[in-house]
Amino acid sequence: MAAKAQGALGDRWRAARRGLLALAAALAMQTGFAQDSAPDPRWESLAAGQQQILAPLASEWDRLDPASRSRWLGVAKRYPKMTPIGQKRVQTRMKKWAALTPQQREEARAKYKTMKRKRGSTELKSEWQRYQALPAKEREALAAGERKRKTKGKRQGSEPAAETFSQ
């Protein structure tokens, strides 16, 4: 008789557990659906702190795609925990990004994807080793040429895409 009672208790426990799991799954799906279908926040609906942090993007915020808005909102969320130097870096980069033309942004994205692909690869390491192996005068000449290219871009009002993300 005791074995039968334990069996019945075990069956009820398993049924309750299945019910709870089903409920949890339903809630998770409902929550996920609600987040996916929620409208993207327009500039006016952002909190004052978010607007202050994201101010360089104000004029184009409502034209940004949902994924970009989400990324920028993530930056705004992390911003208060950043060091003052990190905050300044974010503001500087955001201002530079906002000043880029759509074509320059695409170039910056392409360059970023290329560098991301190369990161940690033997290709990037070998390029760095070749650069390090150059005589000092050649490295200085390359650096001077890069500075000249960046200065020329600034004078023309079109900052090179690579400069946007340099640290």
C-alpha atoms as a PDB file:
ATOM      1  CA  MET A   1       0.000   0.000   0.000  1.00  0.00           C
ATOM      2  CA  ALA A   2       2.855   2.408   0.857  1.00  0.00           C
ATOM      3  CA  ALA A   3       4.446   1.674  -2.513  1.00  0.00           C
ATOM      4  CA  LYS A   4       1.172   2.531  -4.247  1.00  0.00           C
ATOM      5  CA  ALA A   5       0.957   5.863  -2.363  1.00  0.00           C
ATOM      6  CA  GLN A   6       4.535   6.701  -3.302  1.00  0.00           C
ATOM      7  CA  GLY A   7       3.804   5.863  -6.939  1.00  0.00           C
ATOM      8  CA  ALA A   8       0.739   8.108  -6.966  1.00  0.00           C
ATOM      9  CA  LEU A   9       2.733  10.906  -5.319  1.00  0.00           C
ATOM     10  CA  GLY A  10       5.495  10.495  -7.916  1.00  0.00           C
ATOM     11  CA  ASP A  11       2.959  10.640 -10.741  1.00  0.00           C
ATOM     12  CA  ARG A  12       1.437  13.830  -9.352  1.00  0.00           C
ATOM     13  CA  TRP A  13       4.902  15.358  -8.936  1.00  0.00           C
ATOM     14  CA  ARG A  14       5.832  14.556 -12.548  1.00  0.00           C
ATOM     15  CA  ALA A  15       2.512  15.977 -13.792  1.00  0.00           C
ATOM     16  CA  ALA A  16       2.999  19.156 -11.760  1.00  0.00           C
ATOM     17  CA  ARG A  17       6.553  19.497 -13.049  1.00  0.00           C
ATOM     18  CA  ARG A  18       5.398  19.066 -16.671  1.00  0.00           C
ATOM     19  CA  GLY A  19       2.713  21.689 -16.060  1.00  0.00           C
ATOM     20  CA  LEU A  20       5.218  24.137 -14.624  1.00  0.00           C
ATOM     21  CA  LEU A  21       7.601  23.561 -17.519  1.00  0.00           C
ATOM     22  CA  ALA A  22       4.789  24.134 -20.017  1.00  0.00           C
ATOM     23  CA  LEU A  23       3.809  27.320 -18.200  1.00  0.00           C
ATOM     24  CA  ALA A  24       7.406  28.547 -18.149  1.00  0.00           C
ATOM     25  CA  ALA A  25       7.791  27.814 -21.867  1.00  0.00           C
ATOM     26  CA  ALA A  26       4.555  29.645 -22.660  1.00  0.00           C
ATOM     27  CA  LEU A  27       5.651  32.664 -20.629  1.00  0.00           C
ATOM     28  CA  ALA A  28       9.062  32.682 -22.282  1.00  0.00           C
ATOM     29  CA  MET A  29       7.513  32.596 -25.753  1.00  0.00           C
ATOM     30  CA  GLN A  30       5.018  35.300 -24.858  1.00  0.00           C
ATOM     31  CA  THR A  31       7.737  37.534 -23.418  1.00  0.00           C
ATOM     32  CA  GLY A  32       9.959  36.980 -26.448  1.00  0.00           C
ATOM     33  CA  PHE A  33       7.072  37.750 -28.761  1.00  0.00           C
ATOM     34  CA  ALA A  34       6.233  40.925 -26.887  1.00  0.00           C
ATOM     35  CA  GLN A  35       9.832  42.138 -27.150  1.00  0.00           C
ATOM     36  CA  ASP A  36      10.040  41.349 -30.868  1.00  0.00           C
ATOM     37  CA  SER A  37       6.750  43.045 -31.680  1.00  0.00           C
ATOM     38  CA  ALA A  38       7.333  46.113 -29.484  1.00  0.00           C
ATOM     39  CA  PRO A  39       7.730  49.284 -31.538  1.00  0.00           C
ATOM     40  CA  ASP A  40      11.197  50.750 -31.741  1.00  0.00           C
ATOM     41  CA  PRO A  41      11.556  53.700 -29.410  1.00  0.00           C
ATOM     42  CA  ARG A  42      11.335  57.016 -31.167  1.00  0.00           C
ATOM     43  CA  TRP A  43      13.683  59.791 -30.048  1.00  0.00           C
ATOM     44  CA  GLU A  44      10.951  61.561 -28.091  1.00  0.00           C
ATOM     45  CA  SER A  45      10.196  58.420 -26.062  1.00  0.00           C
ATOM     46  CA  LEU A  46      13.794  57.913 -24.886  1.00  0.00           C
ATOM     47  CA  ALA A  47      14.607  58.796 -21.288  1.00  0.00           C
ATOM     48  CA  ALA A  48      16.375  62.119 -20.755  1.00  0.00           C
ATOM     49  CA  GLY A  49      19.600  60.313 -19.812  1.00  0.00           C
ATOM     50  CA  GLN A  50      19.505  58.227 -22.985  1.00  0.00           C
ATOM     51  CA  GLN A  51      18.895  61.346 -25.067  1.00  0.00           C
ATOM     52  CA  GLN A  52      21.826  63.083 -23.427  1.00  0.00           C
ATOM     53  CA  ILE A  53      24.190  60.169 -24.085  1.00  0.00           C
ATOM     54  CA  LEU A  54      22.943  59.593 -27.626  1.00  0.00           C
ATOM     55  CA  ALA A  55      22.663  63.315 -28.490  1.00  0.00           C
ATOM     56  CA  PRO A  56      25.038  63.127 -31.504  1.00  0.00           C
ATOM     57  CA  LEU A  57      22.526  60.747 -33.137  1.00  0.00           C
ATOM     58  CA  ALA A  58      19.415  62.832 -32.389  1.00  0.00           C
ATOM     59  CA  SER A  59      18.873  64.172 -35.912  1.00  0.00           C
ATOM     60  CA  GLU A  60      18.905  60.735 -37.497  1.00  0.00           C
ATOM     61  CA  TRP A  61      17.629  58.516 -34.644  1.00  0.00           C
ATOM     62  CA  ASP A  62      14.160  58.005 -36.105  1.00  0.00           C
ATOM     63  CA  ARG A  63      15.699  56.931 -39.449  1.00  0.00           C
ATOM     64  CA  LEU A  64      17.965  54.267 -37.895  1.00  0.00           C
ATOM     65  CA  ASP A  65      17.010  50.639 -38.413  1.00  0.00           C
ATOM     66  CA  PRO A  66      15.822  48.684 -35.337  1.00  0.00           C
ATOM     67  CA  ALA A  67      19.082  46.744 -35.002  1.00  0.00           C
ATOM     68  CA  SER A  68      21.129  49.954 -34.946  1.00  0.00           C
ATOM     69  CA  ARG A  69      18.828  51.539 -32.389  1.00  0.00           C
ATOM     70  CA  SER A  70      19.148  48.460 -30.231  1.00  0.00           C
ATOM     71  CA  ARG A  71      22.953  48.583 -30.396  1.00  0.00           C
ATOM     72  CA  TRP A  72      23.026  52.289 -29.546  1.00  0.00           C
ATOM     73  CA  LEU A  73      20.622  51.738 -26.642  1.00  0.00           C
ATOM     74  CA  GLY A  74      23.040  49.066 -25.405  1.00  0.00           C
ATOM     75  CA  VAL A  75      25.850  51.620 -25.552  1.00  0.00           C
ATOM     76  CA  ALA A  76      23.705  54.094 -23.597  1.00  0.00           C
ATOM     77  CA  LYS A  77      22.983  51.430 -20.975  1.00  0.00           C
ATOM     78  CA  ARG A  78      26.697  50.645 -20.495  1.00  0.00           C
ATOM     79  CA  TYR A  79      27.762  54.302 -20.673  1.00  0.00           C
ATOM     80  CA  PRO A  80      27.297  55.220 -16.961  1.00  0.00           C
ATOM     81  CA  LYS A  81      29.580  52.341 -15.923  1.00  0.00           C
ATOM     82  CA  MET A  82      32.365  53.459 -18.256  1.00  0.00           C
ATOM     83  CA  THR A  83      35.401  55.364 -17.102  1.00  0.00           C
ATOM     84  CA  PRO A  84      35.498  59.067 -18.006  1.00  0.00           C
ATOM     85  CA  ILE A  85      38.054  58.242 -20.706  1.00  0.00           C
ATOM     86  CA  GLY A  86      35.772  55.519 -22.092  1.00  0.00           C
ATOM     87  CA  GLN A  87      32.818  57.906 -22.066  1.00  0.00           C
ATOM     88  CA  LYS A  88      34.808  60.535 -23.926  1.00  0.00           C
ATOM     89  CA  ARG A  89      35.920  57.934 -26.478  1.00  0.00           C
ATOM     90  CA  VAL A  90      32.307  56.845 -27.055  1.00  0.00           C
ATOM     91  CA  GLN A  91      31.132  60.455 -27.484  1.00  0.00           C
ATOM     92  CA  THR A  92      33.970  61.227 -29.907  1.00  0.00           C
ATOM     93  CA  ARG A  93      33.295  58.133 -31.994  1.00  0.00           C
ATOM     94  CA  MET A  94      29.551  58.741 -31.975  1.00  0.00           C
ATOM     95  CA  LYS A  95      30.059  62.309 -33.232  1.00  0.00           C
ATOM     96  CA  LYS A  96      32.411  61.096 -35.959  1.00  0.00           C
ATOM     97  CA  TRP A  97      29.979  58.339 -36.952  1.00  0.00           C
ATOM     98  CA  ALA A  98      27.070  60.793 -37.118  1.00  0.00           C
ATOM     99  CA  ALA A  99      29.140  63.082 -39.366  1.00  0.00           C
ATOM    100  CA  LEU A 100      29.898  60.347 -41.907  1.00  0.00           C
ATOM    101  CA  THR A 101      28.020  60.095 -45.174  1.00  0.00           C
ATOM    102  CA  PRO A 102      26.168  56.845 -45.901  1.00  0.00           C
ATOM    103  CA  GLN A 103      28.947  55.839 -48.308  1.00  0.00           C
ATOM    104  CA  GLN A 104      31.633  56.458 -45.676  1.00  0.00           C
ATOM    105  CA  ARG A 105      29.648  54.400 -43.181  1.00  0.00           C
ATOM    106  CA  GLU A 106      29.485  51.498 -45.611  1.00  0.00           C
ATOM    107  CA  GLU A 107      33.250  51.766 -46.139  1.00  0.00           C
ATOM    108  CA  ALA A 108      33.796  51.762 -42.375  1.00  0.00           C
ATOM    109  CA  ARG A 109      31.556  48.704 -41.974  1.00  0.00           C
ATOM    110  CA  ALA A 110      33.404  46.872 -44.747  1.00  0.00           C
ATOM    111  CA  LYS A 111      36.776  47.713 -43.226  1.00  0.00           C
ATOM    112  CA  TYR A 112      35.555  46.586 -39.795  1.00  0.00           C
ATOM    113  CA  LYS A 113      34.314  43.274 -41.211  1.00  0.00           C
ATOM    114  CA  THR A 114      37.658  42.710 -42.913  1.00  0.00           C
ATOM    115  CA  MET A 115      39.597  43.439 -39.724  1.00  0.00           C
ATOM    116  CA  LYS A 116      37.225  41.293 -37.669  1.00  0.00           C
ATOM    117  CA  ARG A 117      37.740  38.424 -40.094  1.00  0.00           C
ATOM    118  CA  LYS A 118      41.515  38.849 -39.912  1.00  0.00           C
ATOM    119  CA  ARG A 119      41.628  39.267 -36.135  1.00  0.00           C
ATOM    120  CA  GLY A 120      43.632  36.449 -34.633  1.00  0.00           C
ATOM    121  CA  SER A 121      44.337  35.048 -38.078  1.00  0.00           C
ATOM    122  CA  THR A 122      47.781  34.254 -39.326  1.00  0.00           C
ATOM    123  CA  GLU A 123      47.196  36.772 -42.134  1.00  0.00           C
ATOM    124  CA  LEU A 124      46.959  39.711 -39.725  1.00  0.00           C
ATOM    125  CA  LYS A 125      49.872  38.444 -37.646  1.00  0.00           C
ATOM    126  CA  SER A 126      52.057  38.066 -40.731  1.00  0.00           C
ATOM    127  CA  GLU A 127      51.142  41.590 -41.902  1.00  0.00           C
ATOM    128  CA  TRP A 128      52.130  42.950 -38.479  1.00  0.00           C
ATOM    129  CA  GLN A 129      55.402  41.003 -38.530  1.00  0.00           C
ATOM    130  CA  ARG A 130      56.220  42.342 -42.015  1.00  0.00           C
ATOM    131  CA  TYR A 131      55.537  45.876 -40.789  1.00  0.00           C
ATOM    132  CA  GLN A 132      57.689  45.367 -37.678  1.00  0.00           C
ATOM    133  CA  ALA A 133      60.501  44.019 -39.855  1.00  0.00           C
ATOM    134  CA  LEU A 134      60.626  47.224 -41.912  1.00  0.00           C
ATOM    135  CA  PRO A 135      63.456  49.655 -41.209  1.00  0.00           C
ATOM    136  CA  ALA A 136      62.472  52.518 -38.920  1.00  0.00           C
ATOM    137  CA  LYS A 137      62.652  55.060 -41.751  1.00  0.00           C
ATOM    138  CA  GLU A 138      60.170  53.095 -43.858  1.00  0.00           C
ATOM    139  CA  ARG A 139      57.771  52.763 -40.941  1.00  0.00           C
ATOM    140  CA  GLU A 140      58.032  56.528 -40.339  1.00  0.00           C
ATOM    141  CA  ALA A 141      57.353  57.201 -44.029  1.00  0.00           C
ATOM    142  CA  LEU A 142      54.253  54.979 -43.920  1.00  0.00           C
ATOM    143  CA  ALA A 143      53.026  56.754 -40.785  1.00  0.00           C
ATOM    144  CA  ALA A 144      53.621  60.177 -42.379  1.00  0.00           C
ATOM    145  CA  GLY A 145      51.693  59.105 -45.477  1.00  0.00           C
ATOM    146  CA  GLU A 146      48.791  57.929 -43.304  1.00  0.00           C
ATOM    147  CA  ARG A 147      48.780  61.221 -41.379  1.00  0.00           C
ATOM    148  CA  LYS A 148      48.784  63.133 -44.663  1.00  0.00           C
ATOM    149  CA  ARG A 149      45.888  61.021 -45.993  1.00  0.00           C
ATOM    150  CA  LYS A 150      43.862  61.646 -42.824  1.00  0.00           C
ATOM    151  CA  THR A 151      44.567  65.386 -42.918  1.00  0.00           C
ATOM    152  CA  LYS A 152      43.541  65.559 -46.580  1.00  0.00           C
ATOM    153  CA  GLY A 153      40.258  63.798 -45.795  1.00  0.00           C
ATOM    154  CA  LYS A 154      39.506  66.214 -42.958  1.00  0.00           C
ATOM    155  CA  ARG A 155      40.155  69.222 -45.200  1.00  0.00           C
ATOM    156  CA  GLN A 156      37.736  67.878 -47.800  1.00  0.00           C
ATOM    157  CA  GLY A 157      35.072  67.418 -45.122  1.00  0.00           C
ATOM    158  CA  SER A 158      35.069  63.662 -45.498  1.00  0.00           C
ATOM    159  CA  GLU A 159      36.828  61.899 -42.698  1.00  0.00           C
ATOM    160  CA  PRO A 160      38.266  58.524 -43.718  1.00  0.00           C
ATOM    161  CA  ALA A 161      36.280  55.578 -42.433  1.00  0.00           C
ATOM    162  CA  ALA A 162      39.302  53.961 -40.797  1.00  0.00           C
ATOM    163  CA  GLU A 163      39.836  56.959 -38.522  1.00  0.00           C
ATOM    164  CA  THR A 164      36.346  56.614 -37.091  1.00  0.00           C
ATOM    165  CA  PHE A 165      37.127  53.542 -35.044  1.00  0.00           C
ATOM    166  CA  SER A 166      40.799  53.962 -34.195  1.00  0.00           C
ATOM    167  CA  GLN A 167      41.658  54.104 -30.529  1.00  0.00           C
END
